[in-house]
Amino acid sequence: MNARPRILDLFCGAGGAAMGYYRAGFDVVGVDIKPQPRYPFEFVQADALDVLHEVVLWPGPGFDYAAIHASPPCHDWSPLASVTGSDGTGELLGRTLDHLSHLALPWVVENTSRAPLTPTSDLFGRHGTMLCGTMFGLKVIRHRLFETSFPVPSMTCGSHVGEFYAPAGHGDPNWKRREANPHLSGPGYADRCREAMGIEWMNRDELAQAIPPAYTEWLGAFLRASVTPSPPLEEAEA
């Protein structure tokens, strides 16, 4: 396997997850149905679910990816869904998980904190964890669930001191914060969001949907362990 294994980043958006995997030692190729001119790595415009379906049916002789990450649109599971109603994106999560369950490759699925993902671990070898920016010293409160095909440890949120950027509807009056939806911002707010999330290259709309790279940089360390073959016995004993 190459020194930097390749990961396929499906429903990639503008690349918040991708940057974390790159920092964890992966080469990343993104796939999204919409143009992503600011995606920081190799990008293919295509239907991510169609690509995943093809991988399941026949990876092909040139398929050299070591892992798959997927962030299917999550609007049906967002805190605002009860107000705005379903937009039909929720079924993409179930279809993505179904396809991934047929693969031998390690995988990660990311979605909002209300999505129906495995919360911890189950009997089918699936594992879940929730991540927040405060766990990594970031000034952003953006809870995201991750379901993985490999075990990851649980973490707890860090301290909430000072001004934080929280998702709309978080609702804790004890935190001095501005809503972390850049659409609601005043002058310079998008710049403060970029700093809080550790993202320098995205515009306001992209920031509203992104996850901080720190999340997948942390997950990527465990993913690397699951895709790196064990050394030969004589090397291990040397």
Protein backbone atom coordinates (compact mmCIF):
# COMPACT_ATOMS: atom_id res chain seq x y z
CA MET A 1 0.00 0.00 0.00
CA ASN A 2 1.17 3.53 -0.74
CA ALA A 3 2.67 5.62 2.05
CA ARG A 4 -0.42 7.83 1.74
CA PRO A 5 -3.52 5.64 1.25
CA ARG A 6 -6.32 7.14 -0.84
CA ILE A 7 -9.77 7.90 0.54
CA LEU A 8 -12.90 8.54 -1.51
CA ASP A 9 -14.78 11.53 -0.06
CA LEU A 10 -18.45 11.23 -1.12
CA PHE A 11 -20.92 14.13 -0.88
CA CYS A 12 -17.75 16.10 -0.25
CA GLY A 13 -18.99 19.69 -0.25
CA ALA A 14 -16.17 22.21 -0.01
CA GLY A 15 -13.77 19.89 1.80
CA GLY A 16 -13.87 20.32 5.57
CA ALA A 17 -13.70 16.56 6.14
CA ALA A 18 -11.22 16.15 3.30
CA MET A 19 -8.67 18.50 4.86
CA GLY A 20 -8.76 16.53 8.11
CA TYR A 21 -8.09 13.25 6.31
CA TYR A 22 -5.25 14.85 4.37
CA ARG A 23 -3.65 16.01 7.62
CA ALA A 24 -4.07 12.47 8.96
CA GLY A 25 -1.99 11.11 6.08
CA PHE A 26 -4.50 10.34 3.31
CA ASP A 27 -4.67 11.44 -0.30
CA VAL A 28 -8.25 12.53 -0.92
CA VAL A 29 -10.53 12.51 -3.96
CA GLY A 30 -13.86 14.27 -3.58
CA VAL A 31 -17.16 13.54 -5.31
CA ASP A 32 -20.19 15.82 -5.29
CA ILE A 33 -23.13 16.40 -7.61
CA LYS A 34 -22.57 20.17 -7.41
CA PRO A 35 -19.47 22.06 -8.60
CA GLN A 36 -17.02 22.66 -5.76
CA PRO A 37 -14.55 25.25 -7.05
CA ARG A 38 -12.86 25.66 -3.66
CA TYR A 39 -12.47 21.95 -2.88
CA PRO A 40 -8.76 21.75 -1.93
CA PHE A 41 -7.96 18.36 -3.53
CA GLU A 42 -8.79 16.30 -6.61
CA PHE A 43 -12.48 16.63 -7.39
CA VAL A 44 -14.96 14.72 -9.57
CA GLN A 45 -18.41 16.16 -10.24
CA ALA A 46 -20.81 13.21 -10.17
CA ASP A 47 -23.70 11.73 -8.22
CA ALA A 48 -21.97 10.35 -5.11
CA LEU A 49 -24.58 7.65 -4.59
CA ASP A 50 -24.16 6.44 -8.19
CA VAL A 51 -20.39 6.28 -7.66
CA LEU A 52 -20.85 4.29 -4.45
CA HIS A 53 -23.27 1.93 -6.19
CA GLU A 54 -20.68 1.26 -8.91
CA VAL A 55 -18.01 0.59 -6.29
CA VAL A 56 -20.27 -1.99 -4.64
CA LEU A 57 -21.08 -3.72 -7.93
CA TRP A 58 -17.62 -3.68 -9.42
CA PRO A 59 -14.70 -1.65 -8.09
CA GLY A 60 -12.71 -2.31 -11.26
CA PRO A 61 -9.01 -3.09 -11.67
CA GLY A 62 -7.96 0.52 -11.19
CA PHE A 63 -9.82 1.03 -7.92
CA ASP A 64 -7.10 1.80 -5.38
CA TYR A 65 -8.95 3.46 -2.54
CA ALA A 66 -8.24 2.25 0.97
CA ALA A 67 -11.33 3.77 2.62
CA ILE A 68 -14.53 5.73 2.01
CA HIS A 69 -15.99 8.75 3.80
CA ALA A 70 -19.57 9.88 3.13
CA SER A 71 -21.49 12.95 4.29
CA PRO A 72 -24.92 12.59 2.65
CA PRO A 73 -27.14 15.70 2.84
CA CYS A 74 -28.69 15.92 6.27
CA HIS A 75 -31.41 18.54 6.08
CA ASP A 76 -34.16 16.11 7.19
CA TRP A 77 -32.25 15.56 10.45
CA SER A 78 -31.24 19.16 11.13
CA PRO A 79 -32.60 21.10 14.15
CA LEU A 80 -34.59 23.28 11.73
CA ALA A 81 -36.33 20.37 9.99
CA SER A 82 -39.31 20.63 12.35
CA VAL A 83 -39.79 24.21 11.12
CA THR A 84 -38.86 23.98 7.45
CA GLY A 85 -40.12 20.43 6.88
CA SER A 86 -38.49 17.50 5.08
CA ASP A 87 -36.77 18.11 1.76
CA GLY A 88 -36.37 14.42 0.92
CA THR A 89 -32.64 14.19 1.63
CA GLY A 90 -33.04 11.85 4.59
CA GLU A 91 -33.35 8.75 2.44
CA LEU A 92 -29.82 9.34 1.13
CA LEU A 93 -28.38 8.42 4.53
CA GLY A 94 -30.09 5.03 4.61
CA ARG A 95 -29.11 4.22 1.03
CA THR A 96 -25.50 5.21 1.71
CA LEU A 97 -25.29 2.99 4.79
CA ASP A 98 -26.85 0.09 2.90
CA HIS A 99 -24.26 0.32 0.12
CA LEU A 100 -21.36 0.62 2.56
CA SER A 101 -22.50 -2.45 4.48
CA HIS A 102 -21.60 -4.55 1.41
CA LEU A 103 -18.00 -3.33 1.26
CA ALA A 104 -14.90 -4.82 2.85
CA LEU A 105 -13.27 -1.37 2.93
CA PRO A 106 -13.29 0.63 6.17
CA TRP A 107 -15.71 3.56 6.03
CA VAL A 108 -16.98 6.62 7.87
CA VAL A 109 -20.42 8.26 7.61
CA GLU A 110 -21.00 11.74 9.04
CA ASN A 111 -24.30 13.44 9.78
CA THR A 112 -26.06 15.79 12.18
CA SER A 113 -26.59 15.06 15.87
CA ARG A 114 -30.21 14.00 15.27
CA ALA A 115 -29.51 11.56 12.47
CA PRO A 116 -30.37 7.87 12.99
CA LEU A 117 -26.80 6.61 13.19
CA THR A 118 -25.34 3.99 15.52
CA PRO A 119 -24.73 5.89 18.80
CA THR A 120 -21.92 3.71 20.22
CA SER A 121 -21.35 0.13 19.00
CA ASP A 122 -23.60 -2.73 17.92
CA LEU A 123 -23.44 -6.44 17.14
CA PHE A 124 -22.88 -5.81 13.43
CA GLY A 125 -19.45 -4.25 13.79
CA ARG A 126 -20.64 -0.68 13.45
CA HIS A 127 -19.43 2.00 15.83
CA GLY A 128 -20.59 5.52 16.59
CA THR A 129 -19.34 8.64 18.27
CA MET A 130 -20.33 12.29 18.55
CA LEU A 131 -17.74 15.03 18.02
CA CYS A 132 -17.81 18.73 18.87
CA GLY A 133 -15.36 21.53 18.24
CA THR A 134 -14.82 22.01 21.97
CA MET A 135 -13.21 18.57 22.13
CA PHE A 136 -10.37 19.93 20.00
CA GLY A 137 -10.00 23.37 21.54
CA LEU A 138 -12.00 25.06 18.79
CA LYS A 139 -14.43 27.89 19.46
CA VAL A 140 -17.26 26.21 17.61
CA ILE A 141 -20.11 24.13 19.02
CA ARG A 142 -21.05 21.96 16.07
CA HIS A 143 -22.15 18.48 17.11
CA ARG A 144 -21.78 15.81 14.45
CA LEU A 145 -22.38 12.06 14.60
CA PHE A 146 -19.98 9.63 12.97
CA GLU A 147 -20.73 5.97 12.27
CA THR A 148 -17.69 3.88 11.38
CA SER A 149 -16.81 0.33 10.45
CA PHE A 150 -13.93 0.39 12.95
CA PRO A 151 -13.85 1.20 16.67
CA VAL A 152 -13.17 4.72 17.91
CA PRO A 153 -13.08 5.93 21.53
CA SER A 154 -15.80 8.12 23.02
CA MET A 155 -15.10 11.76 23.85
CA THR A 156 -16.89 14.43 25.85
CA CYS A 157 -17.38 18.09 25.04
CA GLY A 158 -14.79 20.51 26.36
CA SER A 159 -15.35 23.68 28.35
CA HIS A 160 -17.58 26.42 26.95
CA VAL A 161 -15.90 29.63 28.05
CA GLY A 162 -15.97 32.91 26.17
CA GLU A 163 -17.56 33.54 22.78
CA PHE A 164 -18.46 30.40 20.83
CA TYR A 165 -20.15 29.83 17.53
CA ALA A 166 -23.08 27.48 18.01
CA PRO A 167 -25.50 25.91 15.52
CA ALA A 168 -28.90 27.51 15.20
CA GLY A 169 -31.30 26.22 17.83
CA HIS A 170 -28.65 25.03 20.30
CA GLY A 171 -30.50 26.97 22.96
CA ASP A 172 -28.13 27.17 25.94
CA PRO A 173 -28.50 30.72 27.39
CA ASN A 174 -25.38 30.29 29.55
CA TRP A 175 -23.05 30.49 26.55
CA LYS A 176 -22.14 33.83 25.13
CA ARG A 177 -22.09 33.05 21.45
CA ARG A 178 -23.21 34.07 18.02
CA GLU A 179 -25.18 31.60 15.91
CA ALA A 180 -22.74 29.59 13.78
CA ASN A 181 -24.82 29.96 10.64
CA PRO A 182 -22.93 32.51 8.53
CA HIS A 183 -26.21 33.54 6.87
CA LEU A 184 -27.18 35.24 10.14
CA SER A 185 -23.95 37.16 10.51
CA GLY A 186 -22.91 40.76 10.68
CA PRO A 187 -19.71 42.36 9.31
CA GLY A 188 -16.69 40.10 9.65
CA TYR A 189 -18.69 37.20 11.03
CA ALA A 190 -17.72 34.76 8.27
CA ASP A 191 -14.06 35.48 9.01
CA ARG A 192 -14.62 34.69 12.69
CA CYS A 193 -16.33 31.43 11.69
CA ARG A 194 -13.38 30.49 9.50
CA GLU A 195 -11.02 31.10 12.40
CA ALA A 196 -13.23 29.22 14.87
CA MET A 197 -13.58 26.18 12.61
CA GLY A 198 -9.99 26.08 11.34
CA ILE A 199 -11.14 26.59 7.73
CA GLU A 200 -9.57 29.32 5.61
CA TRP A 201 -10.87 28.68 2.08
CA MET A 202 -14.68 28.50 2.26
CA ASN A 203 -17.33 31.11 1.60
CA ARG A 204 -20.33 31.74 3.86
CA ASP A 205 -22.64 29.15 2.33
CA GLU A 206 -19.94 26.48 2.46
CA LEU A 207 -19.08 27.24 6.09
CA ALA A 208 -22.72 26.75 7.07
CA GLN A 209 -22.57 23.10 5.94
CA ALA A 210 -18.97 22.23 6.83
CA ILE A 211 -17.38 20.31 9.67
CA PRO A 212 -14.05 21.40 11.16
CA PRO A 213 -11.09 19.42 9.73
CA ALA A 214 -10.04 18.59 13.31
CA TYR A 215 -12.88 16.03 13.48
CA THR A 216 -11.65 13.88 10.63
CA GLU A 217 -7.99 14.46 11.43
CA TRP A 218 -8.71 12.75 14.78
CA LEU A 219 -10.82 10.01 13.19
CA GLY A 220 -8.24 9.61 10.44
CA ALA A 221 -5.65 8.37 12.92
CA PHE A 222 -7.89 5.40 13.79
CA LEU A 223 -8.81 4.92 10.15
CA ARG A 224 -5.12 4.76 9.20
CA ALA A 225 -4.64 2.00 11.74
CA SER A 226 -7.49 0.03 10.15
CA VAL A 227 -6.08 0.30 6.61
CA THR A 228 -2.38 -0.18 7.39
CA PRO A 229 -1.38 -3.85 7.05
CA SER A 230 0.45 -5.45 9.94
CA PRO A 231 4.21 -5.81 9.37
CA PRO A 232 5.61 -9.27 8.56
CA LEU A 233 6.35 -11.34 11.64
CA GLU A 234 10.12 -11.10 11.23
CA GLU A 235 9.87 -7.28 11.07
CA ALA A 236 7.63 -7.15 14.13
CA GLU A 237 10.12 -9.25 16.09
CA ALA A 238 13.20 -7.27 14.98
